[in-house]
Amino acid sequence: MVLVKILGALDLLTAVVLLSFVFGISPWIQLILFCAGLLFIKGLFIFTGEPLSLIDLSASATLILSVWFSPWLWLLWSLSFLLLSKGVVSFL
């Protein structure tokens, strides 16, 4: 149960990082890569049949690409709110 809350906190942290890109705040590169790496590892649960892990994999790829490119705003908004909802539900 504690692991679910830790992974939910990771979702919330990643949602904050994605929202910071939306509002023009550039987070640390270390924080971006930390969140992207952990989301990629967490996204590998898609092989066990977890369909929501596709959100984690796409958010991880978006975070890694956002180091060099500026992603679309609609992509940042949608991924951040999906991760925010996953994080909030994990704390219930």
C-alpha atoms as a PDB file:
ATOM      1  CA  MET A   1       0.000   0.000   0.000  1.00  0.00           C
ATOM      2  CA  VAL A   2       2.873   2.346   0.729  1.00  0.00           C
ATOM      3  CA  LEU A   3       4.409   1.597  -2.676  1.00  0.00           C
ATOM      4  CA  VAL A   4       1.193   2.720  -4.381  1.00  0.00           C
ATOM      5  CA  LYS A   5       1.376   6.036  -2.528  1.00  0.00           C
ATOM      6  CA  ILE A   6       5.043   6.502  -3.470  1.00  0.00           C
ATOM      7  CA  LEU A   7       4.267   5.845  -7.127  1.00  0.00           C
ATOM      8  CA  GLY A   8       1.318   8.236  -6.870  1.00  0.00           C
ATOM      9  CA  ALA A   9       3.637  10.890  -5.471  1.00  0.00           C
ATOM     10  CA  LEU A  10       5.873  10.331  -8.489  1.00  0.00           C
ATOM     11  CA  ASP A  11       2.861  10.939 -10.741  1.00  0.00           C
ATOM     12  CA  LEU A  12       2.083  14.161  -8.883  1.00  0.00           C
ATOM     13  CA  LEU A  13       5.692  15.338  -9.116  1.00  0.00           C
ATOM     14  CA  THR A  14       5.780  14.630 -12.837  1.00  0.00           C
ATOM     15  CA  ALA A  15       2.486  16.467 -13.333  1.00  0.00           C
ATOM     16  CA  VAL A  16       4.001  19.504 -11.601  1.00  0.00           C
ATOM     17  CA  VAL A  17       7.086  19.294 -13.839  1.00  0.00           C
ATOM     18  CA  LEU A  18       4.908  19.119 -16.967  1.00  0.00           C
ATOM     19  CA  LEU A  19       2.791  22.042 -15.778  1.00  0.00           C
ATOM     20  CA  SER A  20       5.929  24.046 -15.144  1.00  0.00           C
ATOM     21  CA  PHE A  21       6.740  23.705 -18.848  1.00  0.00           C
ATOM     22  CA  VAL A  22       3.281  25.043 -19.660  1.00  0.00           C
ATOM     23  CA  PHE A  23       3.767  28.145 -17.521  1.00  0.00           C
ATOM     24  CA  GLY A  24       7.303  28.820 -18.766  1.00  0.00           C
ATOM     25  CA  ILE A  25       9.208  27.705 -15.674  1.00  0.00           C
ATOM     26  CA  SER A  26      12.171  25.563 -16.618  1.00  0.00           C
ATOM     27  CA  PRO A  27      12.790  22.820 -14.027  1.00  0.00           C
ATOM     28  CA  TRP A  28      16.190  21.310 -13.372  1.00  0.00           C
ATOM     29  CA  ILE A  29      17.469  18.837 -15.939  1.00  0.00           C
ATOM     30  CA  GLN A  30      18.175  16.359 -13.139  1.00  0.00           C
ATOM     31  CA  LEU A  31      14.534  16.524 -12.004  1.00  0.00           C
ATOM     32  CA  ILE A  32      13.280  16.044 -15.553  1.00  0.00           C
ATOM     33  CA  LEU A  33      15.488  13.013 -16.165  1.00  0.00           C
ATOM     34  CA  PHE A  34      14.717  11.568 -12.715  1.00  0.00           C
ATOM     35  CA  CYS A  35      10.980  11.734 -13.337  1.00  0.00           C
ATOM     36  CA  ALA A  36      11.354  10.445 -16.903  1.00  0.00           C
ATOM     37  CA  GLY A  37      13.477   7.491 -15.831  1.00  0.00           C
ATOM     38  CA  LEU A  38      11.186   6.431 -13.029  1.00  0.00           C
ATOM     39  CA  LEU A  39       8.107   6.851 -15.223  1.00  0.00           C
ATOM     40  CA  PHE A  40       9.726   4.691 -17.891  1.00  0.00           C
ATOM     41  CA  ILE A  41      10.419   1.944 -15.379  1.00  0.00           C
ATOM     42  CA  LYS A  42       6.901   2.303 -14.003  1.00  0.00           C
ATOM     43  CA  GLY A  43       5.530   2.275 -17.556  1.00  0.00           C
ATOM     44  CA  LEU A  44       7.021  -1.146 -18.194  1.00  0.00           C
ATOM     45  CA  PHE A  45       4.054  -2.554 -16.265  1.00  0.00           C
ATOM     46  CA  ILE A  46       2.229  -2.327 -19.594  1.00  0.00           C
ATOM     47  CA  PHE A  47       3.647  -5.772 -20.312  1.00  0.00           C
ATOM     48  CA  THR A  48       1.666  -7.130 -17.364  1.00  0.00           C
ATOM     49  CA  GLY A  49      -1.582  -5.864 -18.874  1.00  0.00           C
ATOM     50  CA  GLU A  50      -1.882  -2.508 -17.126  1.00  0.00           C
ATOM     51  CA  PRO A  51      -3.344  -0.146 -19.793  1.00  0.00           C
ATOM     52  CA  LEU A  52      -2.726   3.067 -17.800  1.00  0.00           C
ATOM     53  CA  SER A  53       1.013   2.456 -18.036  1.00  0.00           C
ATOM     54  CA  LEU A  54       0.795   3.810 -21.567  1.00  0.00           C
ATOM     55  CA  ILE A  55       0.299   7.245 -19.981  1.00  0.00           C
ATOM     56  CA  ASP A  56       3.525   6.776 -18.039  1.00  0.00           C
ATOM     57  CA  LEU A  57       5.481   5.758 -21.136  1.00  0.00           C
ATOM     58  CA  SER A  58       4.195   8.677 -23.191  1.00  0.00           C
ATOM     59  CA  ALA A  59       4.876  11.143 -20.355  1.00  0.00           C
ATOM     60  CA  SER A  60       8.386   9.747 -20.014  1.00  0.00           C
ATOM     61  CA  ALA A  61       9.059  10.179 -23.717  1.00  0.00           C
ATOM     62  CA  THR A  62       7.630  13.694 -23.622  1.00  0.00           C
ATOM     63  CA  LEU A  63       9.834  14.638 -20.691  1.00  0.00           C
ATOM     64  CA  ILE A  64      12.954  13.323 -22.371  1.00  0.00           C
ATOM     65  CA  LEU A  65      12.130  15.101 -25.622  1.00  0.00           C
ATOM     66  CA  SER A  66      11.312  18.324 -23.770  1.00  0.00           C
ATOM     67  CA  VAL A  67      14.978  18.677 -22.869  1.00  0.00           C
ATOM     68  CA  TRP A  68      15.749  19.452 -26.533  1.00  0.00           C
ATOM     69  CA  PHE A  69      12.380  20.394 -28.060  1.00  0.00           C
ATOM     70  CA  SER A  70       9.343  22.341 -26.957  1.00  0.00           C
ATOM     71  CA  PRO A  71       6.355  19.959 -26.889  1.00  0.00           C
ATOM     72  CA  TRP A  72       2.850  20.987 -27.893  1.00  0.00           C
ATOM     73  CA  LEU A  73       0.808  22.659 -25.186  1.00  0.00           C
ATOM     74  CA  TRP A  74      -2.175  20.353 -25.605  1.00  0.00           C
ATOM     75  CA  LEU A  75       0.106  17.367 -25.058  1.00  0.00           C
ATOM     76  CA  LEU A  76       1.572  18.883 -21.898  1.00  0.00           C
ATOM     77  CA  TRP A  77      -1.860  19.794 -20.534  1.00  0.00           C
ATOM     78  CA  SER A  78      -3.400  16.388 -21.257  1.00  0.00           C
ATOM     79  CA  LEU A  79      -0.491  14.376 -19.870  1.00  0.00           C
ATOM     80  CA  SER A  80      -0.216  16.524 -16.770  1.00  0.00           C
ATOM     81  CA  PHE A  81      -3.907  16.212 -15.942  1.00  0.00           C
ATOM     82  CA  LEU A  82      -3.924  12.465 -16.599  1.00  0.00           C
ATOM     83  CA  LEU A  83      -0.925  12.012 -14.303  1.00  0.00           C
ATOM     84  CA  LEU A  84      -2.490  14.339 -11.751  1.00  0.00           C
ATOM     85  CA  SER A  85      -5.661  12.263 -11.694  1.00  0.00           C
ATOM     86  CA  LYS A  86      -3.681   9.018 -11.374  1.00  0.00           C
ATOM     87  CA  GLY A  87      -1.688  10.497  -8.501  1.00  0.00           C
ATOM     88  CA  VAL A  88      -4.747  11.740  -6.638  1.00  0.00           C
ATOM     89  CA  VAL A  89      -6.552   8.424  -7.000  1.00  0.00           C
ATOM     90  CA  SER A  90      -3.569   6.554  -5.621  1.00  0.00           C
ATOM     91  CA  PHE A  91      -3.859   8.542  -2.387  1.00  0.00           C
ATOM     92  CA  LEU A  92      -7.552   7.589  -1.894  1.00  0.00           C
END
